[in-house]
């Protein structure tokens, strides 16, 4: 068993232990974070037009994706939030794509994004357009894309993101404004 560092948060300690393959740490980490993750999932699902997926299903799928390997690949709390945001994005995108596929009566149509960093009242097409734009942003500016994922998929506020990524809140706000403009431009260009 690994020896905890005095400055280490309980979550970081559990992540480190889980990374080392300690099964009990994985279970305890999931128990500790389950209600928080379920709350985030419930908020995201409430804002999306997805009725066939509930918060428990989303969190359980995240758990399976994060813990299905022999070792969890998260170094600390910050990295864990990034991984959760990415897993939630992937799951929601896959679910939305299945729902709008031609087999399910879907069909892609032109999308106009007016507030790219909010999920509320988004159609499946808009959701996919924003998700694709975030992936393209990640190729050019991975750190800003991570901030956007924390905002868009995890639902953190600017101050919460600043604490997670270790940046000043004003820097996070600037990056969110930049990302808003970048995503709008990218999505508009994709629609032409």
N, C-alpha and C. Protein backbone atom coordinates (compact mmCIF):
# COMPACT_ATOMS: atom_id res chain seq x y z
N UNK A 1 0.85 -1.18 0.00
CA UNK A 1 0.00 0.00 0.00
C UNK A 1 0.89 1.23 0.00
N UNK A 2 0.50 2.28 -0.77
CA UNK A 2 1.30 3.48 -0.87
C UNK A 2 1.12 4.39 0.34
N UNK A 3 2.18 5.12 0.67
CA UNK A 3 2.14 6.03 1.80
C UNK A 3 1.64 7.39 1.33
N UNK A 4 0.57 7.94 1.96
CA UNK A 4 0.04 9.22 1.52
C UNK A 4 0.95 10.38 1.88
N UNK A 5 0.97 11.36 1.01
CA UNK A 5 1.69 12.60 1.26
C UNK A 5 0.80 13.50 2.10
N UNK A 6 1.35 14.26 3.07
CA UNK A 6 0.51 15.08 3.94
C UNK A 6 -0.28 16.15 3.20
N UNK A 7 0.25 16.67 2.10
CA UNK A 7 -0.45 17.72 1.36
C UNK A 7 -1.43 17.17 0.33
N UNK A 8 -1.51 15.88 0.20
CA UNK A 8 -2.35 15.24 -0.79
C UNK A 8 -3.81 15.22 -0.34
N UNK A 9 -4.72 15.56 -1.24
CA UNK A 9 -6.15 15.50 -0.91
C UNK A 9 -6.57 14.03 -0.84
N UNK A 10 -7.67 13.74 -0.13
CA UNK A 10 -8.12 12.35 -0.07
C UNK A 10 -8.42 11.77 -1.46
N UNK A 11 -8.97 12.59 -2.34
CA UNK A 11 -9.28 12.10 -3.69
C UNK A 11 -8.00 11.79 -4.45
N UNK A 12 -7.02 12.68 -4.36
CA UNK A 12 -5.75 12.44 -5.05
C UNK A 12 -5.09 11.18 -4.50
N UNK A 13 -5.16 11.00 -3.19
CA UNK A 13 -4.58 9.80 -2.59
C UNK A 13 -5.27 8.55 -3.13
N UNK A 14 -6.61 8.58 -3.19
CA UNK A 14 -7.35 7.43 -3.72
C UNK A 14 -7.01 7.20 -5.20
N UNK A 15 -6.89 8.27 -5.96
CA UNK A 15 -6.52 8.13 -7.37
C UNK A 15 -5.16 7.48 -7.52
N UNK A 16 -4.21 7.92 -6.70
CA UNK A 16 -2.86 7.37 -6.75
C UNK A 16 -2.88 5.89 -6.39
N UNK A 17 -3.65 5.54 -5.37
CA UNK A 17 -3.75 4.14 -4.96
C UNK A 17 -4.45 3.31 -6.05
N UNK A 18 -5.51 3.87 -6.63
CA UNK A 18 -6.22 3.15 -7.69
C UNK A 18 -5.32 2.98 -8.90
N UNK A 19 -4.51 4.00 -9.20
CA UNK A 19 -3.56 3.90 -10.30
C UNK A 19 -2.57 2.76 -10.05
N UNK A 20 -2.25 2.54 -8.79
CA UNK A 20 -1.35 1.46 -8.43
C UNK A 20 -2.01 0.09 -8.45
N UNK A 21 -3.30 0.05 -8.80
CA UNK A 21 -3.99 -1.23 -8.92
C UNK A 21 -4.75 -1.67 -7.69
N UNK A 22 -4.85 -0.82 -6.67
CA UNK A 22 -5.57 -1.19 -5.45
C UNK A 22 -7.08 -1.16 -5.70
N UNK A 23 -7.67 -2.33 -5.72
CA UNK A 23 -9.09 -2.47 -6.03
C UNK A 23 -9.97 -1.75 -5.01
N UNK A 24 -9.62 -1.82 -3.73
CA UNK A 24 -10.41 -1.15 -2.70
C UNK A 24 -10.40 0.36 -2.91
N UNK A 25 -9.28 0.92 -3.34
CA UNK A 25 -9.19 2.36 -3.61
C UNK A 25 -10.12 2.75 -4.76
N UNK A 26 -10.20 1.90 -5.78
CA UNK A 26 -11.11 2.16 -6.91
C UNK A 26 -12.55 2.21 -6.42
N UNK A 27 -12.92 1.22 -5.63
CA UNK A 27 -14.29 1.16 -5.12
C UNK A 27 -14.59 2.35 -4.23
N UNK A 28 -13.65 2.68 -3.35
CA UNK A 28 -13.87 3.81 -2.44
C UNK A 28 -13.94 5.12 -3.20
N UNK A 29 -13.09 5.29 -4.20
CA UNK A 29 -13.11 6.50 -5.02
C UNK A 29 -14.47 6.66 -5.69
N UNK A 30 -14.97 5.58 -6.25
CA UNK A 30 -16.27 5.64 -6.91
C UNK A 30 -17.38 5.98 -5.91
N UNK A 31 -17.33 5.38 -4.72
CA UNK A 31 -18.34 5.69 -3.69
C UNK A 31 -18.28 7.15 -3.28
N UNK A 32 -17.06 7.67 -3.10
CA UNK A 32 -16.88 9.06 -2.66
C UNK A 32 -17.40 10.03 -3.71
N UNK A 33 -17.14 9.74 -4.98
CA UNK A 33 -17.47 10.69 -6.05
C UNK A 33 -18.81 10.42 -6.73
N UNK A 34 -19.45 9.31 -6.42
CA UNK A 34 -20.66 8.92 -7.14
C UNK A 34 -21.74 10.00 -7.11
N UNK A 35 -22.07 10.51 -5.95
CA UNK A 35 -23.17 11.50 -5.88
C UNK A 35 -22.80 12.78 -6.64
N UNK A 36 -21.53 13.20 -6.55
CA UNK A 36 -21.11 14.39 -7.30
C UNK A 36 -21.19 14.15 -8.80
N UNK A 37 -20.68 12.99 -9.24
CA UNK A 37 -20.72 12.67 -10.67
C UNK A 37 -22.17 12.53 -11.15
N UNK A 38 -23.00 11.93 -10.33
CA UNK A 38 -24.41 11.77 -10.70
C UNK A 38 -25.10 13.14 -10.81
N UNK A 39 -24.76 14.06 -9.92
CA UNK A 39 -25.32 15.41 -10.00
C UNK A 39 -24.91 16.12 -11.28
N UNK A 40 -23.64 15.99 -11.64
CA UNK A 40 -23.15 16.58 -12.89
C UNK A 40 -23.87 15.94 -14.07
N UNK A 41 -23.97 14.63 -14.06
CA UNK A 41 -24.64 13.92 -15.16
C UNK A 41 -26.10 14.32 -15.25
N UNK A 42 -26.77 14.43 -14.12
CA UNK A 42 -28.19 14.82 -14.11
C UNK A 42 -28.35 16.22 -14.71
N UNK A 43 -27.46 17.13 -14.35
CA UNK A 43 -27.54 18.50 -14.88
C UNK A 43 -27.33 18.51 -16.39
N UNK A 44 -26.33 17.74 -16.88
CA UNK A 44 -26.07 17.70 -18.33
C UNK A 44 -27.25 17.08 -19.06
N UNK A 45 -27.78 16.00 -18.54
CA UNK A 45 -28.89 15.33 -19.22
C UNK A 45 -30.16 16.15 -19.19
N UNK A 46 -30.35 16.91 -18.13
CA UNK A 46 -31.54 17.77 -18.04
C UNK A 46 -31.52 18.84 -19.13
N UNK A 47 -30.32 19.25 -19.52
CA UNK A 47 -30.18 20.32 -20.50
C UNK A 47 -30.11 19.81 -21.93
N UNK A 48 -30.02 18.51 -22.12
CA UNK A 48 -29.94 17.93 -23.45
C UNK A 48 -31.22 17.21 -23.80
N UNK A 49 -31.52 17.13 -25.06
CA UNK A 49 -32.74 16.43 -25.49
C UNK A 49 -32.55 14.92 -25.54
N UNK A 50 -32.14 14.33 -24.41
CA UNK A 50 -31.91 12.89 -24.34
C UNK A 50 -32.80 12.33 -23.24
N UNK A 51 -33.86 11.66 -23.62
CA UNK A 51 -34.77 11.11 -22.63
C UNK A 51 -34.46 9.66 -22.30
N UNK A 52 -33.72 8.98 -23.16
CA UNK A 52 -33.52 7.54 -22.97
C UNK A 52 -32.26 7.21 -22.17
N UNK A 53 -31.57 8.21 -21.65
CA UNK A 53 -30.37 7.99 -20.86
C UNK A 53 -30.56 8.72 -19.54
N UNK A 54 -30.35 8.04 -18.42
CA UNK A 54 -30.49 8.74 -17.15
C UNK A 54 -29.12 8.92 -16.50
N UNK A 55 -29.09 9.73 -15.44
CA UNK A 55 -27.83 10.10 -14.79
C UNK A 55 -27.07 8.87 -14.28
N UNK A 56 -27.80 7.93 -13.70
CA UNK A 56 -27.13 6.73 -13.18
C UNK A 56 -26.47 5.95 -14.32
N UNK A 57 -27.17 5.82 -15.44
CA UNK A 57 -26.60 5.12 -16.59
C UNK A 57 -25.33 5.81 -17.07
N UNK A 58 -25.38 7.13 -17.15
CA UNK A 58 -24.23 7.89 -17.63
C UNK A 58 -23.04 7.72 -16.69
N UNK A 59 -23.27 7.82 -15.39
CA UNK A 59 -22.18 7.67 -14.42
C UNK A 59 -21.65 6.24 -14.44
N UNK A 60 -22.54 5.28 -14.52
CA UNK A 60 -22.09 3.89 -14.56
C UNK A 60 -21.25 3.60 -15.80
N UNK A 61 -21.66 4.16 -16.93
CA UNK A 61 -20.86 3.99 -18.15
C UNK A 61 -19.51 4.68 -18.00
N UNK A 62 -19.49 5.87 -17.38
CA UNK A 62 -18.22 6.54 -17.13
C UNK A 62 -17.32 5.66 -16.26
N UNK A 63 -17.90 5.09 -15.22
CA UNK A 63 -17.13 4.21 -14.34
C UNK A 63 -16.51 3.05 -15.12
N UNK A 64 -17.33 2.41 -15.94
CA UNK A 64 -16.81 1.28 -16.72
C UNK A 64 -15.67 1.71 -17.63
N UNK A 65 -15.81 2.86 -18.25
CA UNK A 65 -14.76 3.33 -19.14
C UNK A 65 -13.50 3.72 -18.38
N UNK A 66 -13.67 4.31 -17.21
CA UNK A 66 -12.51 4.78 -16.46
C UNK A 66 -11.80 3.65 -15.73
N UNK A 67 -12.54 2.63 -15.31
CA UNK A 67 -11.95 1.60 -14.47
C UNK A 67 -11.85 0.24 -15.14
N UNK A 68 -12.13 0.15 -16.42
CA UNK A 68 -12.11 -1.16 -17.06
C UNK A 68 -10.69 -1.67 -17.29
N UNK A 69 -9.72 -0.81 -17.27
CA UNK A 69 -8.33 -1.22 -17.46
C UNK A 69 -7.80 -1.80 -16.15
N UNK A 70 -6.65 -2.45 -16.25
CA UNK A 70 -6.02 -2.98 -15.04
C UNK A 70 -5.61 -1.86 -14.10
N UNK A 71 -5.29 -0.70 -14.66
CA UNK A 71 -4.89 0.42 -13.83
C UNK A 71 -5.61 1.68 -14.31
N UNK A 72 -6.04 2.49 -13.37
CA UNK A 72 -6.65 3.77 -13.68
C UNK A 72 -5.54 4.72 -14.12
N UNK A 73 -5.79 5.47 -15.19
CA UNK A 73 -4.76 6.36 -15.74
C UNK A 73 -5.05 7.81 -15.37
N UNK A 74 -5.10 8.11 -14.08
CA UNK A 74 -5.30 9.48 -13.58
C UNK A 74 -4.25 9.76 -12.53
N UNK A 75 -3.50 10.82 -12.73
CA UNK A 75 -2.40 11.13 -11.83
C UNK A 75 -2.83 11.93 -10.60
N UNK A 76 -3.88 12.74 -10.76
CA UNK A 76 -4.31 13.58 -9.64
C UNK A 76 -5.76 14.01 -9.88
N UNK A 77 -6.28 14.80 -8.96
CA UNK A 77 -7.67 15.25 -9.03
C UNK A 77 -7.94 16.03 -10.32
N UNK A 78 -7.01 16.91 -10.69
CA UNK A 78 -7.14 17.71 -11.91
C UNK A 78 -7.29 16.79 -13.13
N UNK A 79 -6.40 15.85 -13.24
CA UNK A 79 -6.43 14.93 -14.37
C UNK A 79 -7.71 14.10 -14.36
N UNK A 80 -8.17 13.71 -13.18
CA UNK A 80 -9.40 12.93 -13.06
C UNK A 80 -10.59 13.71 -13.63
N UNK A 81 -10.67 15.01 -13.32
CA UNK A 81 -11.77 15.82 -13.86
C UNK A 81 -11.70 15.90 -15.38
N UNK A 82 -10.50 16.02 -15.92
CA UNK A 82 -10.36 16.04 -17.38
C UNK A 82 -10.83 14.72 -17.98
N UNK A 83 -10.42 13.62 -17.36
CA UNK A 83 -10.80 12.31 -17.86
C UNK A 83 -12.31 12.12 -17.78
N UNK A 84 -12.91 12.56 -16.67
CA UNK A 84 -14.38 12.47 -16.53
C UNK A 84 -15.08 13.29 -17.60
N UNK A 85 -14.60 14.51 -17.82
CA UNK A 85 -15.20 15.36 -18.85
C UNK A 85 -15.10 14.73 -20.22
N UNK A 86 -13.96 14.16 -20.52
CA UNK A 86 -13.78 13.51 -21.82
C UNK A 86 -14.66 12.27 -21.95
N UNK A 87 -14.73 11.48 -20.89
CA UNK A 87 -15.57 10.27 -20.93
C UNK A 87 -17.04 10.65 -21.09
N UNK A 88 -17.48 11.68 -20.37
CA UNK A 88 -18.88 12.11 -20.49
C UNK A 88 -19.15 12.61 -21.90
N UNK A 89 -18.23 13.37 -22.47
CA UNK A 89 -18.39 13.85 -23.83
C UNK A 89 -18.52 12.69 -24.80
N UNK A 90 -17.64 11.73 -24.69
CA UNK A 90 -17.67 10.59 -25.61
C UNK A 90 -18.98 9.81 -25.50
N UNK A 91 -19.42 9.56 -24.28
CA UNK A 91 -20.65 8.80 -24.07
C UNK A 91 -21.85 9.55 -24.64
N UNK A 92 -21.95 10.83 -24.34
CA UNK A 92 -23.08 11.62 -24.83
C UNK A 92 -23.07 11.73 -26.35
N UNK A 93 -21.90 11.92 -26.93
CA UNK A 93 -21.80 12.01 -28.40
C UNK A 93 -22.24 10.69 -29.03
N UNK A 94 -21.75 9.58 -28.50
CA UNK A 94 -22.15 8.28 -29.04
C UNK A 94 -23.66 8.08 -28.93
N UNK A 95 -24.22 8.45 -27.80
CA UNK A 95 -25.65 8.28 -27.59
C UNK A 95 -26.46 9.16 -28.56
N UNK A 96 -26.05 10.42 -28.69
CA UNK A 96 -26.76 11.33 -29.59
C UNK A 96 -26.64 10.86 -31.04
N UNK A 97 -25.46 10.42 -31.43
CA UNK A 97 -25.28 9.92 -32.80
C UNK A 97 -26.18 8.73 -33.08
N UNK A 98 -26.30 7.83 -32.12
CA UNK A 98 -27.20 6.69 -32.31
C UNK A 98 -28.64 7.16 -32.47
N UNK A 99 -29.03 8.15 -31.68
CA UNK A 99 -30.42 8.62 -31.71
C UNK A 99 -30.78 9.36 -32.99
N UNK A 100 -29.80 10.05 -33.59
CA UNK A 100 -30.14 10.82 -34.79
C UNK A 100 -29.74 10.10 -36.07
N UNK A 101 -29.29 8.87 -35.94
CA UNK A 101 -28.92 8.12 -37.14
C UNK A 101 -30.16 7.90 -38.00
N UNK A 102 -29.97 7.74 -39.30
CA UNK A 102 -31.12 7.52 -40.18
C UNK A 102 -32.01 6.37 -39.72
N UNK A 103 -31.42 5.36 -39.13
CA UNK A 103 -32.19 4.23 -38.62
C UNK A 103 -33.22 4.68 -37.58
N UNK A 104 -32.89 5.73 -36.84
CA UNK A 104 -33.79 6.26 -35.81
C UNK A 104 -34.54 7.49 -36.29
N UNK A 105 -34.61 7.70 -37.58
CA UNK A 105 -35.35 8.84 -38.11
C UNK A 105 -34.58 10.15 -38.07
N UNK A 106 -33.29 10.08 -37.84
CA UNK A 106 -32.48 11.29 -37.76
C UNK A 106 -32.13 11.80 -39.14
N UNK A 107 -31.36 12.84 -39.16
CA UNK A 107 -30.89 13.45 -40.39
C UNK A 107 -30.23 14.75 -39.99
N UNK A 108 -29.00 14.91 -40.37
CA UNK A 108 -28.29 16.12 -39.96
C UNK A 108 -28.82 17.32 -40.73
N UNK A 109 -28.87 18.43 -40.05
CA UNK A 109 -29.31 19.67 -40.66
C UNK A 109 -28.40 20.80 -40.22
N UNK A 110 -28.51 21.93 -40.90
CA UNK A 110 -27.69 23.09 -40.59
C UNK A 110 -27.95 23.55 -39.17
N UNK A 111 -26.86 23.92 -38.47
CA UNK A 111 -26.95 24.31 -37.07
C UNK A 111 -26.36 25.70 -36.92
N UNK A 112 -27.04 26.56 -36.19
CA UNK A 112 -26.51 27.87 -35.86
C UNK A 112 -26.31 27.90 -34.35
N UNK A 113 -25.08 28.19 -33.92
CA UNK A 113 -24.77 28.21 -32.50
C UNK A 113 -24.67 29.66 -32.06
N UNK A 114 -25.48 30.03 -31.06
CA UNK A 114 -25.42 31.39 -30.56
C UNK A 114 -24.68 31.47 -29.24
N UNK A 115 -24.74 30.43 -28.43
CA UNK A 115 -24.01 30.40 -27.17
C UNK A 115 -23.32 29.05 -27.08
N UNK A 116 -22.17 28.94 -27.71
CA UNK A 116 -21.52 27.64 -27.89
C UNK A 116 -21.14 26.96 -26.58
N UNK A 117 -20.99 27.68 -25.49
CA UNK A 117 -20.53 27.05 -24.26
C UNK A 117 -21.64 26.71 -23.30
N UNK A 118 -22.89 26.74 -23.74
CA UNK A 118 -23.97 26.28 -22.88
C UNK A 118 -24.64 25.10 -23.55
N UNK A 119 -25.10 24.17 -22.74
CA UNK A 119 -25.72 22.97 -23.26
C UNK A 119 -27.23 23.14 -23.35
N UNK A 120 -27.78 24.07 -22.60
CA UNK A 120 -29.22 24.19 -22.46
C UNK A 120 -29.93 24.30 -23.80
N UNK A 121 -31.03 23.57 -23.92
CA UNK A 121 -31.92 23.64 -25.07
C UNK A 121 -31.21 23.37 -26.39
N UNK A 122 -30.25 22.49 -26.40
CA UNK A 122 -29.53 22.15 -27.61
C UNK A 122 -30.19 20.96 -28.29
N UNK A 123 -30.24 21.01 -29.59
CA UNK A 123 -30.70 19.86 -30.35
C UNK A 123 -29.54 18.86 -30.42
N UNK A 124 -29.82 17.62 -30.77
CA UNK A 124 -28.73 16.66 -30.93
C UNK A 124 -27.70 17.13 -31.97
N UNK A 125 -28.16 17.75 -33.03
CA UNK A 125 -27.25 18.22 -34.08
C UNK A 125 -26.32 19.31 -33.53
N UNK A 126 -26.88 20.23 -32.75
CA UNK A 126 -26.05 21.29 -32.16
C UNK A 126 -25.04 20.71 -31.19
N UNK A 127 -25.49 19.76 -30.40
CA UNK A 127 -24.60 19.10 -29.45
C UNK A 127 -23.42 18.46 -30.17
N UNK A 128 -23.69 17.74 -31.24
CA UNK A 128 -22.62 17.08 -32.01
C UNK A 128 -21.70 18.11 -32.66
N UNK A 129 -22.27 19.20 -33.15
CA UNK A 129 -21.45 20.25 -33.77
C UNK A 129 -20.49 20.86 -32.75
N UNK A 130 -20.99 21.14 -31.55
CA UNK A 130 -20.14 21.71 -30.51
C UNK A 130 -19.08 20.71 -30.09
N UNK A 131 -19.46 19.46 -29.91
CA UNK A 131 -18.49 18.43 -29.52
C UNK A 131 -17.39 18.29 -30.56
N UNK A 132 -17.75 18.28 -31.83
CA UNK A 132 -16.75 18.20 -32.90
C UNK A 132 -15.82 19.40 -32.90
N UNK A 133 -16.39 20.57 -32.65
CA UNK A 133 -15.58 21.80 -32.61
C UNK A 133 -14.61 21.75 -31.43
N UNK A 134 -15.04 21.23 -30.30
CA UNK A 134 -14.15 21.11 -29.14
C UNK A 134 -13.00 20.16 -29.47
N UNK A 135 -13.29 19.09 -30.16
CA UNK A 135 -12.22 18.16 -30.56
C UNK A 135 -11.22 18.84 -31.49
N UNK A 136 -11.71 19.65 -32.41
CA UNK A 136 -10.81 20.37 -33.32
C UNK A 136 -10.01 21.43 -32.54
N UNK A 137 -10.65 22.09 -31.58
CA UNK A 137 -9.93 23.06 -30.74
C UNK A 137 -8.81 22.36 -29.98
N UNK A 138 -9.04 21.14 -29.56
CA UNK A 138 -8.05 20.37 -28.82
C UNK A 138 -6.77 20.17 -29.63
N UNK A 139 -6.90 20.07 -30.94
CA UNK A 139 -5.73 19.90 -31.79
C UNK A 139 -4.87 21.16 -31.81
N UNK A 140 -5.50 22.33 -31.68
CA UNK A 140 -4.77 23.60 -31.73
C UNK A 140 -4.38 24.12 -30.35
N UNK A 141 -5.26 23.91 -29.36
CA UNK A 141 -5.02 24.46 -28.03
C UNK A 141 -5.60 23.49 -26.99
N UNK A 142 -4.86 22.44 -26.67
CA UNK A 142 -5.38 21.40 -25.78
C UNK A 142 -5.81 21.93 -24.40
N UNK A 143 -5.06 22.86 -23.85
CA UNK A 143 -5.39 23.37 -22.51
C UNK A 143 -6.73 24.11 -22.52
N UNK A 144 -6.97 24.92 -23.54
CA UNK A 144 -8.26 25.62 -23.64
C UNK A 144 -9.38 24.63 -23.90
N UNK A 145 -9.12 23.62 -24.70
CA UNK A 145 -10.15 22.59 -24.94
C UNK A 145 -10.50 21.87 -23.64
N UNK A 146 -9.51 21.61 -22.79
CA UNK A 146 -9.79 20.99 -21.50
C UNK A 146 -10.66 21.90 -20.63
N UNK A 147 -10.39 23.18 -20.67
CA UNK A 147 -11.21 24.13 -19.91
C UNK A 147 -12.65 24.11 -20.42
N UNK A 148 -12.80 24.07 -21.73
CA UNK A 148 -14.14 24.02 -22.32
C UNK A 148 -14.86 22.73 -21.91
N UNK A 149 -14.14 21.61 -21.93
CA UNK A 149 -14.77 20.34 -21.52
C UNK A 149 -15.23 20.40 -20.07
N UNK A 150 -14.41 20.99 -19.21
CA UNK A 150 -14.81 21.11 -17.81
C UNK A 150 -16.06 21.98 -17.67
N UNK A 151 -16.17 22.99 -18.49
CA UNK A 151 -17.32 23.88 -18.44
C UNK A 151 -18.54 23.22 -19.08
N UNK A 152 -18.37 22.69 -20.27
CA UNK A 152 -19.47 22.20 -21.08
C UNK A 152 -19.99 20.84 -20.65
N UNK A 153 -19.08 19.92 -20.35
CA UNK A 153 -19.49 18.56 -20.05
C UNK A 153 -19.55 18.25 -18.57
N UNK A 154 -18.68 18.86 -17.77
CA UNK A 154 -18.70 18.61 -16.33
C UNK A 154 -19.56 19.65 -15.63
N UNK A 155 -19.71 20.84 -16.22
CA UNK A 155 -20.58 21.86 -15.65
C UNK A 155 -19.94 22.71 -14.58
N UNK A 156 -18.60 22.76 -14.55
CA UNK A 156 -17.93 23.57 -13.54
C UNK A 156 -18.02 25.06 -13.88
N UNK A 157 -18.02 25.89 -12.85
CA UNK A 157 -18.00 27.33 -13.04
C UNK A 157 -16.56 27.76 -13.36
N UNK A 158 -16.40 29.02 -13.75
CA UNK A 158 -15.07 29.55 -14.04
C UNK A 158 -14.14 29.44 -12.84
N UNK A 159 -14.65 29.76 -11.65
CA UNK A 159 -13.83 29.68 -10.43
C UNK A 159 -13.46 28.23 -10.11
N UNK A 160 -14.39 27.31 -10.30
CA UNK A 160 -14.10 25.90 -10.05
C UNK A 160 -13.05 25.38 -11.03
N UNK A 161 -13.19 25.78 -12.29
CA UNK A 161 -12.20 25.38 -13.30
C UNK A 161 -10.83 25.91 -12.93
N UNK A 162 -10.78 27.18 -12.50
CA UNK A 162 -9.51 27.79 -12.12
C UNK A 162 -8.82 26.99 -11.02
N UNK A 163 -9.59 26.53 -10.04
CA UNK A 163 -9.01 25.72 -8.97
C UNK A 163 -8.51 24.37 -9.50
N UNK A 164 -9.27 23.76 -10.39
CA UNK A 164 -8.89 22.46 -10.92
C UNK A 164 -7.63 22.55 -11.77
N UNK A 165 -7.56 23.54 -12.65
CA UNK A 165 -6.43 23.62 -13.58
C UNK A 165 -5.26 24.45 -13.05
N UNK A 166 -5.46 25.13 -11.93
CA UNK A 166 -4.37 25.89 -11.34
C UNK A 166 -4.07 27.19 -12.05
N UNK A 167 -5.08 27.80 -12.64
CA UNK A 167 -4.92 29.10 -13.30
C UNK A 167 -5.74 30.15 -12.55
N UNK A 168 -5.42 31.41 -12.78
CA UNK A 168 -6.20 32.49 -12.19
C UNK A 168 -7.59 32.51 -12.84
N UNK A 169 -8.63 32.84 -12.06
CA UNK A 169 -9.98 32.90 -12.64
C UNK A 169 -10.08 33.83 -13.85
N UNK A 170 -9.36 34.92 -13.83
CA UNK A 170 -9.40 35.85 -14.97
C UNK A 170 -8.82 35.20 -16.22
N UNK A 171 -7.81 34.37 -16.06
CA UNK A 171 -7.22 33.65 -17.20
C UNK A 171 -8.22 32.64 -17.75
N UNK A 172 -8.89 31.93 -16.85
CA UNK A 172 -9.91 30.97 -17.29
C UNK A 172 -11.02 31.70 -18.03
N UNK A 173 -11.47 32.84 -17.51
CA UNK A 173 -12.52 33.61 -18.19
C UNK A 173 -12.09 34.05 -19.58
N UNK A 174 -10.83 34.49 -19.71
CA UNK A 174 -10.32 34.88 -21.03
C UNK A 174 -10.31 33.70 -21.99
N UNK A 175 -9.89 32.56 -21.49
CA UNK A 175 -9.85 31.37 -22.35
C UNK A 175 -11.25 30.92 -22.75
N UNK A 176 -12.21 31.05 -21.84
CA UNK A 176 -13.59 30.69 -22.17
C UNK A 176 -14.13 31.64 -23.24
N UNK A 177 -13.84 32.92 -23.12
CA UNK A 177 -14.29 33.89 -24.14
C UNK A 177 -13.63 33.59 -25.49
N UNK A 178 -12.32 33.30 -25.46
CA UNK A 178 -11.63 32.93 -26.69
C UNK A 178 -12.27 31.69 -27.29
N UNK A 179 -12.51 30.68 -26.45
CA UNK A 179 -13.08 29.42 -26.94
C UNK A 179 -14.46 29.65 -27.53
N UNK A 180 -15.25 30.50 -26.91
CA UNK A 180 -16.59 30.81 -27.43
C UNK A 180 -16.49 31.33 -28.85
N UNK A 181 -15.59 32.30 -29.06
CA UNK A 181 -15.41 32.88 -30.39
C UNK A 181 -14.84 31.83 -31.36
N UNK A 182 -13.85 31.06 -30.91
CA UNK A 182 -13.24 30.05 -31.76
C UNK A 182 -14.27 29.01 -32.18
N UNK A 183 -15.05 28.51 -31.22
CA UNK A 183 -16.05 27.49 -31.52
C UNK A 183 -17.11 28.03 -32.48
N UNK A 184 -17.53 29.25 -32.26
CA UNK A 184 -18.53 29.86 -33.15
C UNK A 184 -18.00 29.93 -34.58
N UNK A 185 -16.77 30.39 -34.72
CA UNK A 185 -16.15 30.50 -36.04
C UNK A 185 -15.99 29.12 -36.67
N UNK A 186 -15.54 28.16 -35.91
CA UNK A 186 -15.32 26.81 -36.42
C UNK A 186 -16.62 26.18 -36.87
N UNK A 187 -17.64 26.29 -36.05
CA UNK A 187 -18.93 25.69 -36.39
C UNK A 187 -19.54 26.38 -37.61
N UNK A 188 -19.42 27.69 -37.67
CA UNK A 188 -19.94 28.42 -38.83
C UNK A 188 -19.22 27.98 -40.10
N UNK A 189 -17.89 27.78 -40.00
CA UNK A 189 -17.12 27.33 -41.16
C UNK A 189 -17.48 25.93 -41.58
N UNK A 190 -17.81 25.07 -40.64
CA UNK A 190 -18.19 23.69 -40.95
C UNK A 190 -19.54 23.62 -41.66
N UNK A 191 -20.39 24.61 -41.44
CA UNK A 191 -21.74 24.60 -41.99
C UNK A 191 -21.79 25.14 -43.41
N UNK A 192 -20.71 25.76 -43.87
CA UNK A 192 -20.72 26.37 -45.21
C UNK A 192 -20.46 25.34 -46.27
